Amino acid sequence: MSSNSGIEWTEATWNPTTGCSKISLGCKNCYAERMTRRLQATGHPNYVKGFQLAVHESSLIIPFKWKSSRLIFVNSMSDLFHEDVPGEFVHKVFTAMNIANWHTYQILTKRSERLLAMDVDLSWNKHIWMGVSVENTNFIHRIDQLRQTGAELKFISIEPMLGPLKKIDLSGIDWVIVGGESGPGARPMKSVWVEDVRDQCLEAGVPFFFKQWGGVNKKSTGRVLEGRVWSQMPVSAIN
């Protein structure tokens, strides 16, 4: 966990679970896996098993220690809806989020099937945002499954963007994030792909956030798109 995050679209991270496994193209150069190796080398107790999925009951108390409201990315180092996370623990995370409701929580998953299967038993409130990762058109079904959930705020993270996404159905979607892959072996992202998604968002009236161009050195490529920085947030984020 971190009380401050370098991720552009959030303020803090909270990892009640750590570790994951690869299920699609976007997982190839997973930044969380790289970060885990560094944390394991420092002897961090939550990463003694490396990138093997682990749940951390002791981490459930962390949001309660932060008294001022924060925008919190849940499981930046894992996937809450991973098949190896017990359903009971998922519910404990939701209970913690619903009690510590002075924060806003951002959950992101590639496992939209399990999200949808569990949805009927999850306690959604407006301060719990739910998103899915979509790398290219092969995974557009994740958006359709997200749309079927009871989450009050739904968002899409197109990162890493690995191909064009034409004519996205943005009905019921409240926010779109786009970003290129970064770090060793980063796969390229074409500007026309980004511009097309941005234009779709503008037409649909959906807030658009451009996170980064990526590349081996993401700081050098920045996040300016056609002369400006796009940092739009959902309306409910402006309290």
C-alpha atoms as a PDB file:
ATOM      1  CA  MET A   1       0.000   0.000   0.000  1.00  0.00           C
ATOM      2  CA  SER A   2       1.021   3.586  -0.389  1.00  0.00           C
ATOM      3  CA  SER A   3      -0.384   6.739   1.168  1.00  0.00           C
ATOM      4  CA  ASN A   4       0.691   8.557  -2.003  1.00  0.00           C
ATOM      5  CA  SER A   5       0.646   7.188  -5.521  1.00  0.00           C
ATOM      6  CA  GLY A   6       2.513   8.132  -8.675  1.00  0.00           C
ATOM      7  CA  ILE A   7      -0.383   6.833 -10.788  1.00  0.00           C
ATOM      8  CA  GLU A   8      -1.801   9.909 -12.465  1.00  0.00           C
ATOM      9  CA  TRP A   9      -5.494   9.125 -12.003  1.00  0.00           C
ATOM     10  CA  THR A  10      -5.494   8.252  -8.304  1.00  0.00           C
ATOM     11  CA  GLU A  11      -4.114   9.525  -4.996  1.00  0.00           C
ATOM     12  CA  ALA A  12      -3.279   6.378  -3.018  1.00  0.00           C
ATOM     13  CA  THR A  13      -3.091   2.619  -3.450  1.00  0.00           C
ATOM     14  CA  TRP A  14      -4.394  -0.134  -1.162  1.00  0.00           C
ATOM     15  CA  ASN A  15      -3.552  -3.786  -1.716  1.00  0.00           C
ATOM     16  CA  PRO A  16      -5.632  -6.195   0.383  1.00  0.00           C
ATOM     17  CA  THR A  17      -4.415  -8.847  -2.066  1.00  0.00           C
ATOM     18  CA  THR A  18      -1.113  -9.127  -3.911  1.00  0.00           C
ATOM     19  CA  GLY A  19       0.043 -11.274  -6.800  1.00  0.00           C
ATOM     20  CA  CYS A  20      -1.772 -12.331  -9.932  1.00  0.00           C
ATOM     21  CA  SER A  21      -1.503 -14.504 -13.053  1.00  0.00           C
ATOM     22  CA  LYS A  22      -1.530 -13.656 -16.746  1.00  0.00           C
ATOM     23  CA  ILE A  23      -4.808 -14.070 -18.616  1.00  0.00           C
ATOM     24  CA  SER A  24      -4.561 -11.813 -21.687  1.00  0.00           C
ATOM     25  CA  LEU A  25      -2.262  -9.787 -23.948  1.00  0.00           C
ATOM     26  CA  GLY A  26      -2.121  -6.812 -21.615  1.00  0.00           C
ATOM     27  CA  CYS A  27      -0.476  -8.940 -18.925  1.00  0.00           C
ATOM     28  CA  LYS A  28       2.690  -9.699 -20.896  1.00  0.00           C
ATOM     29  CA  ASN A  29       4.858  -6.929 -19.401  1.00  0.00           C
ATOM     30  CA  CYS A  30       2.991  -6.527 -16.115  1.00  0.00           C
ATOM     31  CA  TYR A  31       4.356  -3.589 -14.095  1.00  0.00           C
ATOM     32  CA  ALA A  32       3.027  -5.122 -10.850  1.00  0.00           C
ATOM     33  CA  GLU A  33       5.084  -8.248 -11.449  1.00  0.00           C
ATOM     34  CA  ARG A  34       8.219  -6.135 -11.968  1.00  0.00           C
ATOM     35  CA  MET A  35       7.470  -4.112  -8.844  1.00  0.00           C
ATOM     36  CA  THR A  36       6.886  -7.292  -6.851  1.00  0.00           C
ATOM     37  CA  ARG A  37      10.395  -8.519  -7.607  1.00  0.00           C
ATOM     38  CA  ARG A  38      11.819  -5.306  -6.178  1.00  0.00           C
ATOM     39  CA  LEU A  39       9.605  -5.419  -3.086  1.00  0.00           C
ATOM     40  CA  GLN A  40      10.432  -9.075  -2.481  1.00  0.00           C
ATOM     41  CA  ALA A  41      14.127  -8.249  -2.654  1.00  0.00           C
ATOM     42  CA  THR A  42      13.690  -5.630   0.083  1.00  0.00           C
ATOM     43  CA  GLY A  43      12.034  -8.193   2.354  1.00  0.00           C
ATOM     44  CA  HIS A  44       8.544  -6.648   2.309  1.00  0.00           C
ATOM     45  CA  PRO A  45       6.357  -9.121   4.273  1.00  0.00           C
ATOM     46  CA  ASN A  46       3.448  -9.013   1.813  1.00  0.00           C
ATOM     47  CA  TYR A  47       5.675 -10.180  -1.054  1.00  0.00           C
ATOM     48  CA  VAL A  48       7.536 -13.122   0.464  1.00  0.00           C
ATOM     49  CA  LYS A  49       5.698 -15.384  -2.008  1.00  0.00           C
ATOM     50  CA  GLY A  50       6.642 -13.186  -4.926  1.00  0.00           C
ATOM     51  CA  PHE A  51       3.864 -12.758  -7.465  1.00  0.00           C
ATOM     52  CA  GLN A  52       1.875 -15.714  -6.165  1.00  0.00           C
ATOM     53  CA  LEU A  53      -1.651 -14.642  -5.195  1.00  0.00           C
ATOM     54  CA  ALA A  54      -1.931 -13.831  -1.492  1.00  0.00           C
ATOM     55  CA  VAL A  55      -4.640 -12.228   0.652  1.00  0.00           C
ATOM     56  CA  HIS A  56      -3.765  -9.927   3.546  1.00  0.00           C
ATOM     57  CA  GLU A  57      -6.357  -9.723   6.305  1.00  0.00           C
ATOM     58  CA  SER A  58      -4.150  -7.246   8.156  1.00  0.00           C
ATOM     59  CA  SER A  59      -4.444  -4.785   5.269  1.00  0.00           C
ATOM     60  CA  LEU A  60      -8.211  -4.435   5.650  1.00  0.00           C
ATOM     61  CA  ILE A  61      -7.693  -1.843   8.385  1.00  0.00           C
ATOM     62  CA  ILE A  62      -5.571   0.517   6.264  1.00  0.00           C
ATOM     63  CA  PRO A  63      -8.374   2.762   4.868  1.00  0.00           C
ATOM     64  CA  PHE A  64      -9.550   3.398   8.430  1.00  0.00           C
ATOM     65  CA  LYS A  65      -6.138   4.825   9.334  1.00  0.00           C
ATOM     66  CA  TRP A  66      -6.437   7.488   6.630  1.00  0.00           C
ATOM     67  CA  LYS A  67      -8.740  10.050   8.225  1.00  0.00           C
ATOM     68  CA  SER A  68      -8.877  12.521   5.349  1.00  0.00           C
ATOM     69  CA  SER A  69     -10.700  11.438   2.205  1.00  0.00           C
ATOM     70  CA  ARG A  70      -8.613   9.984  -0.597  1.00  0.00           C
ATOM     71  CA  LEU A  71      -9.079   8.592  -4.072  1.00  0.00           C
ATOM     72  CA  ILE A  72      -7.840   5.021  -3.609  1.00  0.00           C
ATOM     73  CA  PHE A  73      -6.870   2.519  -6.302  1.00  0.00           C
ATOM     74  CA  VAL A  74      -7.743  -0.907  -4.873  1.00  0.00           C
ATOM     75  CA  ASN A  75      -5.261  -3.662  -5.723  1.00  0.00           C
ATOM     76  CA  SER A  76      -2.750  -1.904  -7.908  1.00  0.00           C
ATOM     77  CA  MET A  77      -0.614  -5.037  -7.373  1.00  0.00           C
ATOM     78  CA  SER A  78      -3.298  -7.659  -7.961  1.00  0.00           C
ATOM     79  CA  ASP A  79      -6.849  -8.293  -9.194  1.00  0.00           C
ATOM     80  CA  LEU A  80      -9.595  -8.430  -6.574  1.00  0.00           C
ATOM     81  CA  PHE A  81     -11.649 -10.733  -8.800  1.00  0.00           C
ATOM     82  CA  HIS A  82      -8.845 -13.231  -9.423  1.00  0.00           C
ATOM     83  CA  GLU A  83     -10.180 -16.776  -9.248  1.00  0.00           C
ATOM     84  CA  ASP A  84      -7.913 -17.587  -6.285  1.00  0.00           C
ATOM     85  CA  VAL A  85      -9.257 -14.779  -4.097  1.00  0.00           C
ATOM     86  CA  PRO A  86     -11.925 -16.372  -1.862  1.00  0.00           C
ATOM     87  CA  GLY A  87     -15.367 -14.871  -2.352  1.00  0.00           C
ATOM     88  CA  GLU A  88     -15.577 -14.338   1.406  1.00  0.00           C
ATOM     89  CA  PHE A  89     -12.502 -12.117   1.245  1.00  0.00           C
ATOM     90  CA  VAL A  90     -13.922 -10.081  -1.637  1.00  0.00           C
ATOM     91  CA  HIS A  91     -16.933  -9.384   0.581  1.00  0.00           C
ATOM     92  CA  LYS A  92     -14.646  -8.352   3.447  1.00  0.00           C
ATOM     93  CA  VAL A  93     -12.986  -5.813   1.146  1.00  0.00           C
ATOM     94  CA  PHE A  94     -16.405  -4.441   0.162  1.00  0.00           C
ATOM     95  CA  THR A  95     -17.434  -4.268   3.813  1.00  0.00           C
ATOM     96  CA  ALA A  96     -14.304  -2.255   4.615  1.00  0.00           C
ATOM     97  CA  MET A  97     -14.960   0.101   1.688  1.00  0.00           C
ATOM     98  CA  ASN A  98     -18.577   0.626   2.690  1.00  0.00           C
ATOM     99  CA  ILE A  99     -17.709   1.382   6.309  1.00  0.00           C
ATOM    100  CA  ALA A 100     -14.730   3.639   5.484  1.00  0.00           C
ATOM    101  CA  ASN A 101     -16.972   5.547   3.115  1.00  0.00           C
ATOM    102  CA  TRP A 102     -15.220   8.906   3.388  1.00  0.00           C
ATOM    103  CA  HIS A 103     -12.853   7.614   0.695  1.00  0.00           C
ATOM    104  CA  THR A 104     -13.533   6.941  -2.988  1.00  0.00           C
ATOM    105  CA  TYR A 105     -12.372   3.526  -4.222  1.00  0.00           C
ATOM    106  CA  GLN A 106     -11.342   2.569  -7.754  1.00  0.00           C
ATOM    107  CA  ILE A 107     -11.387  -1.159  -8.519  1.00  0.00           C
ATOM    108  CA  LEU A 108     -10.018  -2.433 -11.826  1.00  0.00           C
ATOM    109  CA  THR A 109     -10.251  -5.990 -13.159  1.00  0.00           C
ATOM    110  CA  LYS A 110      -9.576  -8.072 -16.230  1.00  0.00           C
ATOM    111  CA  ARG A 111     -11.796 -10.814 -14.819  1.00  0.00           C
ATOM    112  CA  SER A 112     -15.168  -9.367 -15.758  1.00  0.00           C
ATOM    113  CA  GLU A 113     -16.793 -12.804 -15.816  1.00  0.00           C
ATOM    114  CA  ARG A 114     -16.210 -13.310 -12.095  1.00  0.00           C
ATOM    115  CA  LEU A 115     -17.147  -9.709 -11.372  1.00  0.00           C
ATOM    116  CA  LEU A 116     -20.498 -10.245 -13.076  1.00  0.00           C
ATOM    117  CA  ALA A 117     -21.038 -13.607 -11.371  1.00  0.00           C
ATOM    118  CA  MET A 118     -20.514 -12.027  -7.931  1.00  0.00           C
ATOM    119  CA  ASP A 119     -22.297  -8.773  -8.684  1.00  0.00           C
ATOM    120  CA  VAL A 120     -25.689  -9.657  -7.219  1.00  0.00           C
ATOM    121  CA  ASP A 121     -24.144 -10.133  -3.767  1.00  0.00           C
ATOM    122  CA  LEU A 122     -21.908  -7.039  -3.767  1.00  0.00           C
ATOM    123  CA  SER A 123     -22.823  -3.878  -1.879  1.00  0.00           C
ATOM    124  CA  TRP A 124     -22.355  -1.053  -4.347  1.00  0.00           C
ATOM    125  CA  ASN A 125     -22.400   2.608  -3.371  1.00  0.00           C
ATOM    126  CA  LYS A 126     -21.473   5.746  -5.289  1.00  0.00           C
ATOM    127  CA  HIS A 127     -18.031   5.966  -3.634  1.00  0.00           C
ATOM    128  CA  ILE A 128     -17.035   2.546  -5.071  1.00  0.00           C
ATOM    129  CA  TRP A 129     -16.060   2.804  -8.735  1.00  0.00           C
ATOM    130  CA  MET A 130     -15.734  -0.320 -10.870  1.00  0.00           C
ATOM    131  CA  GLY A 131     -13.621  -0.571 -14.002  1.00  0.00           C
ATOM    132  CA  VAL A 132     -12.392  -3.123 -16.521  1.00  0.00           C
ATOM    133  CA  SER A 133      -9.149  -3.233 -18.513  1.00  0.00           C
ATOM    134  CA  VAL A 134      -9.508  -3.502 -22.283  1.00  0.00           C
ATOM    135  CA  GLU A 135      -6.337  -3.852 -24.376  1.00  0.00           C
ATOM    136  CA  ASN A 136      -7.880  -4.236 -27.825  1.00  0.00           C
ATOM    137  CA  THR A 137     -11.059  -5.374 -29.555  1.00  0.00           C
ATOM    138  CA  ASN A 138     -10.575  -8.991 -28.436  1.00  0.00           C
ATOM    139  CA  PHE A 139     -11.583  -7.961 -24.925  1.00  0.00           C
ATOM    140  CA  ILE A 140     -14.464  -5.606 -25.646  1.00  0.00           C
ATOM    141  CA  HIS A 141     -16.798  -8.109 -23.963  1.00  0.00           C
ATOM    142  CA  ARG A 142     -15.440  -6.928 -20.606  1.00  0.00           C
ATOM    143  CA  ILE A 143     -17.201  -3.601 -21.149  1.00  0.00           C
ATOM    144  CA  ASP A 144     -20.504  -5.357 -21.833  1.00  0.00           C
ATOM    145  CA  GLN A 145     -20.142  -7.399 -18.646  1.00  0.00           C
ATOM    146  CA  LEU A 146     -19.226  -4.323 -16.612  1.00  0.00           C
ATOM    147  CA  ARG A 147     -22.327  -2.590 -17.943  1.00  0.00           C
ATOM    148  CA  GLN A 148     -24.485  -5.381 -16.482  1.00  0.00           C
ATOM    149  CA  THR A 149     -23.210  -4.852 -12.934  1.00  0.00           C
ATOM    150  CA  GLY A 150     -24.796  -2.737 -10.229  1.00  0.00           C
ATOM    151  CA  ALA A 151     -21.769  -0.459  -9.866  1.00  0.00           C
ATOM    152  CA  GLU A 152     -22.961   3.138  -9.756  1.00  0.00           C
ATOM    153  CA  LEU A 153     -19.845   4.456 -11.488  1.00  0.00           C
ATOM    154  CA  LYS A 154     -18.323   2.385 -14.278  1.00  0.00           C
ATOM    155  CA  PHE A 155     -15.056   3.071 -16.061  1.00  0.00           C
ATOM    156  CA  ILE A 156     -12.761   1.603 -18.707  1.00  0.00           C
ATOM    157  CA  SER A 157      -8.972   1.489 -18.578  1.00  0.00           C
ATOM    158  CA  ILE A 158      -7.487   1.051 -22.046  1.00  0.00           C
ATOM    159  CA  GLU A 159      -3.959   0.444 -20.826  1.00  0.00           C
ATOM    160  CA  PRO A 160      -1.793  -0.818 -22.270  1.00  0.00           C
ATOM    161  CA  MET A 161      -3.527   0.129 -25.498  1.00  0.00           C
ATOM    162  CA  LEU A 162      -2.448  -2.520 -27.998  1.00  0.00           C
ATOM    163  CA  GLY A 163      -4.715  -1.797 -30.933  1.00  0.00           C
ATOM    164  CA  PRO A 164      -7.529   0.408 -32.238  1.00  0.00           C
ATOM    165  CA  LEU A 165     -10.939   0.397 -30.550  1.00  0.00           C
ATOM    166  CA  LYS A 166     -13.495   1.566 -33.063  1.00  0.00           C
ATOM    167  CA  LYS A 167     -17.103   2.382 -32.232  1.00  0.00           C
ATOM    168  CA  ILE A 168     -17.016   1.539 -28.519  1.00  0.00           C
ATOM    169  CA  ASP A 169     -20.438   1.336 -26.912  1.00  0.00           C
ATOM    170  CA  LEU A 170     -20.018   3.936 -24.166  1.00  0.00           C
ATOM    171  CA  SER A 171     -23.596   3.792 -22.906  1.00  0.00           C
ATOM    172  CA  GLY A 172     -23.575   3.519 -19.132  1.00  0.00           C
ATOM    173  CA  ILE A 173     -19.827   4.250 -18.979  1.00  0.00           C
ATOM    174  CA  ASP A 174     -18.744   7.198 -16.827  1.00  0.00           C
ATOM    175  CA  TRP A 175     -15.014   7.514 -17.486  1.00  0.00           C
ATOM    176  CA  VAL A 176     -12.340   6.307 -19.923  1.00  0.00           C
ATOM    177  CA  ILE A 177      -8.584   6.109 -19.258  1.00  0.00           C
ATOM    178  CA  VAL A 178      -6.084   5.493 -22.081  1.00  0.00           C
ATOM    179  CA  GLY A 179      -2.384   4.802 -21.751  1.00  0.00           C
ATOM    180  CA  GLY A 180       0.515   3.247 -23.582  1.00  0.00           C
ATOM    181  CA  GLU A 181       2.667   0.463 -22.204  1.00  0.00           C
ATOM    182  CA  SER A 182       5.839   1.468 -20.364  1.00  0.00           C
ATOM    183  CA  GLY A 183       9.029  -0.191 -19.210  1.00  0.00           C
ATOM    184  CA  PRO A 184      11.237  -2.912 -20.740  1.00  0.00           C
ATOM    185  CA  GLY A 185       9.782  -4.389 -23.925  1.00  0.00           C
ATOM    186  CA  ALA A 186       7.016  -1.806 -24.130  1.00  0.00           C
ATOM    187  CA  ARG A 187       4.802  -2.343 -27.165  1.00  0.00           C
ATOM    188  CA  PRO A 188       4.070   0.752 -29.283  1.00  0.00           C
ATOM    189  CA  MET A 189       0.799   2.665 -29.295  1.00  0.00           C
ATOM    190  CA  LYS A 190      -0.303   4.693 -32.327  1.00  0.00           C
ATOM    191  CA  SER A 191      -1.537   8.242 -31.836  1.00  0.00           C
ATOM    192  CA  VAL A 192      -4.484   7.657 -34.171  1.00  0.00           C
ATOM    193  CA  TRP A 193      -5.789   4.967 -31.785  1.00  0.00           C
ATOM    194  CA  VAL A 194      -5.745   7.396 -28.871  1.00  0.00           C
ATOM    195  CA  GLU A 195      -7.261  10.264 -30.839  1.00  0.00           C
ATOM    196  CA  ASP A 196     -10.104   8.063 -32.039  1.00  0.00           C
ATOM    197  CA  VAL A 197     -11.049   6.997 -28.499  1.00  0.00           C
ATOM    198  CA  ARG A 198     -10.776  10.597 -27.310  1.00  0.00           C
ATOM    199  CA  ASP A 199     -13.121  11.710 -30.070  1.00  0.00           C
ATOM    200  CA  GLN A 200     -15.600   8.956 -29.188  1.00  0.00           C
ATOM    201  CA  CYS A 201     -15.571  10.153 -25.579  1.00  0.00           C
ATOM    202  CA  LEU A 202     -16.112  13.766 -26.613  1.00  0.00           C
ATOM    203  CA  GLU A 203     -19.043  12.772 -28.784  1.00  0.00           C
ATOM    204  CA  ALA A 204     -20.600  10.660 -26.022  1.00  0.00           C
ATOM    205  CA  GLY A 205     -19.906  13.206 -23.276  1.00  0.00           C
ATOM    206  CA  VAL A 206     -17.731  10.766 -21.327  1.00  0.00           C
ATOM    207  CA  PRO A 207     -14.745  12.179 -19.351  1.00  0.00           C
ATOM    208  CA  PHE A 208     -11.424  11.196 -20.976  1.00  0.00           C
ATOM    209  CA  PHE A 209      -8.096  10.788 -19.166  1.00  0.00           C
ATOM    210  CA  PHE A 210      -4.904  10.292 -21.156  1.00  0.00           C
ATOM    211  CA  LYS A 211      -2.383   8.771 -18.776  1.00  0.00           C
ATOM    212  CA  GLN A 212       0.781   8.399 -20.854  1.00  0.00           C
ATOM    213  CA  TRP A 213       2.400   7.622 -24.200  1.00  0.00           C
ATOM    214  CA  GLY A 214       4.572   5.062 -22.430  1.00  0.00           C
ATOM    215  CA  GLY A 215       7.690   3.534 -23.915  1.00  0.00           C
ATOM    216  CA  VAL A 216      10.891   2.477 -22.200  1.00  0.00           C
ATOM    217  CA  ASN A 217      11.132   5.893 -20.519  1.00  0.00           C
ATOM    218  CA  LYS A 218       7.594   7.149 -19.981  1.00  0.00           C
ATOM    219  CA  LYS A 219       8.759  10.417 -18.425  1.00  0.00           C
ATOM    220  CA  SER A 220      10.441  11.433 -21.672  1.00  0.00           C
ATOM    221  CA  THR A 221       7.341  10.770 -23.791  1.00  0.00           C
ATOM    222  CA  GLY A 222       4.949  12.482 -21.379  1.00  0.00           C
ATOM    223  CA  ARG A 223       1.177  12.663 -21.677  1.00  0.00           C
ATOM    224  CA  VAL A 224       0.444  15.584 -23.990  1.00  0.00           C
ATOM    225  CA  LEU A 225      -2.078  14.711 -26.698  1.00  0.00           C
ATOM    226  CA  GLU A 226      -2.460  17.156 -29.593  1.00  0.00           C
ATOM    227  CA  GLY A 227      -1.168  20.088 -27.583  1.00  0.00           C
ATOM    228  CA  ARG A 228      -2.916  19.512 -24.274  1.00  0.00           C
ATOM    229  CA  VAL A 229      -3.072  17.285 -21.224  1.00  0.00           C
ATOM    230  CA  TRP A 230      -6.340  15.395 -20.839  1.00  0.00           C
ATOM    231  CA  SER A 231      -7.123  14.811 -17.149  1.00  0.00           C
ATOM    232  CA  GLN A 232     -10.901  14.728 -17.121  1.00  0.00           C
ATOM    233  CA  MET A 233     -12.506  12.946 -14.176  1.00  0.00           C
ATOM    234  CA  PRO A 234     -16.049  11.688 -13.507  1.00  0.00           C
ATOM    235  CA  VAL A 235     -18.420  14.359 -12.208  1.00  0.00           C
ATOM    236  CA  SER A 236     -18.820  12.481  -8.914  1.00  0.00           C
ATOM    237  CA  ALA A 237     -15.070  12.905  -8.296  1.00  0.00           C
ATOM    238  CA  ILE A 238     -15.593  16.644  -7.899  1.00  0.00           C
ATOM    239  CA  ASN A 239     -17.041  16.930  -4.388  1.00  0.00           C
END
